[in-house]
Structure formats: structure tokens, C-alpha cells
N, C-alpha and C. Protein backbone atom coordinates (compact mmCIF):
# COMPACT_ATOMS: atom_id res chain seq x y z
N UNK A 1 34.26 19.10 2.99
CA UNK A 1 33.46 18.00 3.49
C UNK A 1 34.32 16.74 3.47
N UNK A 2 34.34 16.00 4.55
CA UNK A 2 35.13 14.78 4.60
C UNK A 2 34.36 13.64 3.95
N UNK A 3 35.06 12.56 3.70
CA UNK A 3 34.45 11.43 3.01
C UNK A 3 33.33 10.83 3.85
N UNK A 4 32.24 10.46 3.17
CA UNK A 4 31.13 9.81 3.83
C UNK A 4 30.12 10.76 4.44
N UNK A 5 30.31 12.07 4.30
CA UNK A 5 29.38 13.03 4.86
C UNK A 5 28.25 13.30 3.88
N UNK A 6 27.15 13.84 4.41
CA UNK A 6 26.01 14.22 3.60
C UNK A 6 26.00 15.74 3.51
N UNK A 7 25.66 16.25 2.35
CA UNK A 7 25.57 17.70 2.17
C UNK A 7 24.22 18.04 1.56
N UNK A 8 23.61 19.08 2.04
CA UNK A 8 22.33 19.52 1.49
C UNK A 8 22.60 20.40 0.28
N UNK A 9 21.96 20.09 -0.84
CA UNK A 9 22.07 20.89 -2.06
C UNK A 9 20.65 21.25 -2.47
N UNK A 10 20.17 22.37 -2.05
CA UNK A 10 18.77 22.74 -2.31
C UNK A 10 17.87 21.82 -1.52
N UNK A 11 16.94 21.17 -2.18
CA UNK A 11 16.06 20.24 -1.49
C UNK A 11 16.55 18.80 -1.62
N UNK A 12 17.64 18.59 -2.36
CA UNK A 12 18.18 17.25 -2.54
C UNK A 12 19.31 17.00 -1.55
N UNK A 13 19.48 15.74 -1.16
CA UNK A 13 20.60 15.36 -0.32
C UNK A 13 21.62 14.68 -1.21
N UNK A 14 22.84 15.17 -1.18
CA UNK A 14 23.92 14.59 -1.96
C UNK A 14 24.73 13.72 -1.01
N UNK A 15 24.94 12.47 -1.40
CA UNK A 15 25.67 11.54 -0.56
C UNK A 15 26.99 11.22 -1.23
N UNK A 16 28.08 11.47 -0.52
CA UNK A 16 29.38 11.04 -1.04
C UNK A 16 29.80 9.85 -0.17
N UNK A 17 29.86 8.70 -0.78
CA UNK A 17 30.11 7.49 -0.02
C UNK A 17 31.38 6.81 -0.49
N UNK A 18 32.35 6.63 0.41
CA UNK A 18 33.56 5.91 0.04
C UNK A 18 33.33 4.40 0.09
N UNK A 19 32.16 3.99 0.55
CA UNK A 19 31.88 2.56 0.71
C UNK A 19 31.70 1.89 -0.63
N UNK A 20 32.06 0.63 -0.68
CA UNK A 20 31.91 -0.15 -1.90
C UNK A 20 30.65 -0.99 -1.88
N UNK A 21 30.10 -1.25 -0.71
CA UNK A 21 28.93 -2.11 -0.57
C UNK A 21 27.89 -1.45 0.32
N UNK A 22 26.62 -1.78 0.08
CA UNK A 22 25.51 -1.34 0.93
C UNK A 22 24.62 -2.55 1.18
N UNK A 23 23.82 -2.46 2.22
CA UNK A 23 22.81 -3.48 2.43
C UNK A 23 21.66 -3.21 1.46
N UNK A 24 20.85 -4.21 1.20
CA UNK A 24 19.70 -4.04 0.30
C UNK A 24 18.73 -2.98 0.84
N UNK A 25 18.34 -3.04 2.13
CA UNK A 25 17.43 -2.00 2.62
C UNK A 25 18.01 -0.59 2.53
N UNK A 26 19.31 -0.45 2.78
CA UNK A 26 19.94 0.87 2.71
C UNK A 26 19.94 1.39 1.27
N UNK A 27 20.30 0.52 0.32
CA UNK A 27 20.31 0.94 -1.09
C UNK A 27 18.90 1.32 -1.55
N UNK A 28 17.91 0.55 -1.17
CA UNK A 28 16.53 0.87 -1.55
C UNK A 28 16.08 2.20 -0.97
N UNK A 29 16.47 2.47 0.27
CA UNK A 29 16.08 3.73 0.92
C UNK A 29 16.80 4.92 0.29
N UNK A 30 18.12 4.78 0.07
CA UNK A 30 18.92 5.90 -0.44
C UNK A 30 18.59 6.22 -1.89
N UNK A 31 18.50 5.20 -2.74
CA UNK A 31 18.34 5.44 -4.17
C UNK A 31 16.89 5.52 -4.63
N UNK A 32 15.97 4.84 -3.93
CA UNK A 32 14.58 4.80 -4.39
C UNK A 32 13.57 5.27 -3.35
N UNK A 33 13.98 5.45 -2.11
CA UNK A 33 13.03 5.84 -1.07
C UNK A 33 12.11 4.70 -0.66
N UNK A 34 12.61 3.47 -0.74
CA UNK A 34 11.79 2.29 -0.45
C UNK A 34 11.92 1.83 1.00
N UNK A 35 10.92 1.10 1.44
CA UNK A 35 10.97 0.45 2.75
C UNK A 35 11.86 -0.79 2.66
N UNK A 36 12.06 -1.45 3.78
CA UNK A 36 12.89 -2.66 3.82
C UNK A 36 12.32 -3.72 2.88
N UNK A 37 11.03 -4.02 3.02
CA UNK A 37 10.42 -5.06 2.18
C UNK A 37 10.39 -4.64 0.72
N UNK A 38 10.11 -3.38 0.46
CA UNK A 38 10.12 -2.87 -0.90
C UNK A 38 11.49 -3.00 -1.54
N UNK A 39 12.53 -2.79 -0.74
CA UNK A 39 13.91 -2.92 -1.23
C UNK A 39 14.21 -4.35 -1.64
N UNK A 40 13.83 -5.32 -0.80
CA UNK A 40 14.07 -6.71 -1.15
C UNK A 40 13.23 -7.14 -2.35
N UNK A 41 12.02 -6.61 -2.48
CA UNK A 41 11.20 -6.89 -3.66
C UNK A 41 11.86 -6.35 -4.92
N UNK A 42 12.39 -5.13 -4.85
CA UNK A 42 13.08 -4.53 -6.00
C UNK A 42 14.33 -5.34 -6.36
N UNK A 43 15.04 -5.83 -5.35
CA UNK A 43 16.22 -6.66 -5.60
C UNK A 43 15.82 -7.97 -6.28
N UNK A 44 14.71 -8.56 -5.86
CA UNK A 44 14.23 -9.80 -6.47
C UNK A 44 13.84 -9.58 -7.93
N UNK A 45 13.33 -8.39 -8.26
CA UNK A 45 12.96 -8.05 -9.64
C UNK A 45 14.18 -7.66 -10.48
N UNK A 46 15.33 -7.47 -9.85
CA UNK A 46 16.54 -7.08 -10.56
C UNK A 46 16.73 -5.58 -10.68
N UNK A 47 15.87 -4.80 -10.03
CA UNK A 47 15.99 -3.34 -10.08
C UNK A 47 17.12 -2.83 -9.19
N UNK A 48 17.48 -3.61 -8.20
CA UNK A 48 18.64 -3.31 -7.35
C UNK A 48 19.61 -4.46 -7.56
N UNK A 49 20.80 -4.17 -8.11
CA UNK A 49 21.77 -5.25 -8.36
C UNK A 49 22.34 -5.77 -7.04
N UNK A 50 22.42 -7.08 -6.91
CA UNK A 50 22.91 -7.68 -5.67
C UNK A 50 23.97 -8.74 -5.95
N UNK A 51 24.78 -8.97 -4.92
CA UNK A 51 25.78 -10.04 -4.93
C UNK A 51 25.60 -10.78 -3.61
N UNK A 52 25.53 -12.11 -3.69
CA UNK A 52 25.40 -12.90 -2.47
C UNK A 52 26.77 -13.13 -1.87
N UNK A 53 26.92 -12.77 -0.60
CA UNK A 53 28.16 -12.97 0.15
C UNK A 53 27.79 -13.85 1.34
N UNK A 54 28.03 -15.15 1.19
CA UNK A 54 27.57 -16.09 2.21
C UNK A 54 26.05 -16.08 2.24
N UNK A 55 25.48 -15.76 3.40
CA UNK A 55 24.02 -15.67 3.54
C UNK A 55 23.49 -14.29 3.21
N UNK A 56 24.37 -13.32 3.06
CA UNK A 56 23.94 -11.93 2.90
C UNK A 56 23.82 -11.53 1.44
N UNK A 57 22.88 -10.63 1.17
CA UNK A 57 22.80 -9.98 -0.13
C UNK A 57 23.39 -8.59 0.04
N UNK A 58 24.36 -8.26 -0.77
CA UNK A 58 25.00 -6.95 -0.72
C UNK A 58 24.81 -6.25 -2.06
N UNK A 59 24.78 -4.93 -2.02
CA UNK A 59 24.62 -4.12 -3.22
C UNK A 59 25.94 -3.40 -3.49
N UNK A 60 26.56 -3.67 -4.64
CA UNK A 60 27.77 -2.94 -5.01
C UNK A 60 27.40 -1.49 -5.37
N UNK A 61 27.95 -0.54 -4.66
CA UNK A 61 27.62 0.88 -4.86
C UNK A 61 27.93 1.31 -6.29
N UNK A 62 29.06 0.84 -6.85
CA UNK A 62 29.42 1.26 -8.21
C UNK A 62 28.40 0.82 -9.24
N UNK A 63 27.73 -0.33 -9.02
CA UNK A 63 26.70 -0.77 -9.96
C UNK A 63 25.44 0.07 -9.85
N UNK A 64 25.09 0.50 -8.64
CA UNK A 64 23.92 1.38 -8.48
C UNK A 64 24.19 2.72 -9.14
N UNK A 65 25.38 3.26 -8.94
CA UNK A 65 25.70 4.55 -9.54
C UNK A 65 25.77 4.44 -11.07
N UNK A 66 26.29 3.33 -11.57
CA UNK A 66 26.34 3.11 -13.01
C UNK A 66 24.92 3.02 -13.58
N UNK A 67 24.04 2.35 -12.86
CA UNK A 67 22.64 2.20 -13.29
C UNK A 67 21.98 3.58 -13.42
N UNK A 68 22.22 4.46 -12.47
CA UNK A 68 21.63 5.80 -12.51
C UNK A 68 22.29 6.66 -13.57
N UNK A 69 23.59 6.50 -13.78
CA UNK A 69 24.27 7.23 -14.85
C UNK A 69 23.71 6.84 -16.21
N UNK A 70 23.48 5.54 -16.42
CA UNK A 70 22.93 5.06 -17.69
C UNK A 70 21.50 5.55 -17.87
N UNK A 71 20.72 5.57 -16.81
CA UNK A 71 19.34 6.03 -16.89
C UNK A 71 19.28 7.50 -17.28
N UNK A 72 20.20 8.30 -16.75
CA UNK A 72 20.26 9.72 -17.09
C UNK A 72 20.70 9.93 -18.52
N UNK A 73 21.62 9.09 -19.00
CA UNK A 73 22.12 9.22 -20.36
C UNK A 73 21.08 8.74 -21.37
N UNK A 74 20.15 7.90 -20.95
CA UNK A 74 19.13 7.37 -21.85
C UNK A 74 18.06 8.39 -22.18
N UNK A 75 18.06 9.54 -21.51
CA UNK A 75 17.06 10.57 -21.72
C UNK A 75 17.71 11.88 -22.15
N UNK A 76 18.34 11.90 -23.32
CA UNK A 76 19.06 13.12 -23.71
C UNK A 76 18.16 14.32 -24.00
N UNK A 77 16.89 14.10 -24.32
CA UNK A 77 16.00 15.20 -24.66
C UNK A 77 15.38 15.89 -23.46
N UNK A 78 15.56 15.35 -22.27
CA UNK A 78 14.95 15.93 -21.08
C UNK A 78 15.82 17.02 -20.51
N UNK A 79 15.19 18.10 -20.13
CA UNK A 79 15.91 19.20 -19.49
C UNK A 79 16.09 18.87 -18.02
N UNK A 80 17.23 19.17 -17.46
CA UNK A 80 17.46 18.90 -16.05
C UNK A 80 16.78 19.97 -15.20
N UNK A 81 16.29 19.56 -14.06
CA UNK A 81 15.64 20.49 -13.13
C UNK A 81 16.69 21.32 -12.44
N UNK A 82 16.47 22.60 -12.38
CA UNK A 82 17.46 23.48 -11.73
C UNK A 82 16.95 24.00 -10.44
């Protein structure tokens, strides 16, 4: 699989992204399944980390992945779904 492609793994979609930044609506859709407005609301609450670049809000992909890695590590007693 080349960089940036999507692969189906069971019922989950695995995304390998070489990108360093995403838009707020894209991050909300990919990581949380949110609509555009829901994504901006989550960013305002701090649930989606953002960086302002001029007039734009951008989401650093490494911070989103780190957030999910930490969330998974915070639940050591949970069995993973197979």
C-alpha cells in the first residue's frame, strides 16, 4: 500500500496519512465521525487540538494520534475488540 491510501481491516478503516496537518472538519470526521459544525464545536472545547495559521485553524495529525494513544493507554484493564 502506498502512502496516504486507505485499507479496509475488517469493519474498520485504517488510514495511513503522511500529512502533518488536517482541517478541523476533516479531523472531526476521521477521528470522531463528526459533522463540520460538530468538529468546530469539539475544537472550541479543546477535544480537537488546533493551531491557528493566519485565519485558518489546522489540526496537527501527530497531536491527534498522541491523544488517541494516551486514551488507549489510560484503559489498561479493557480487553481489545478482536
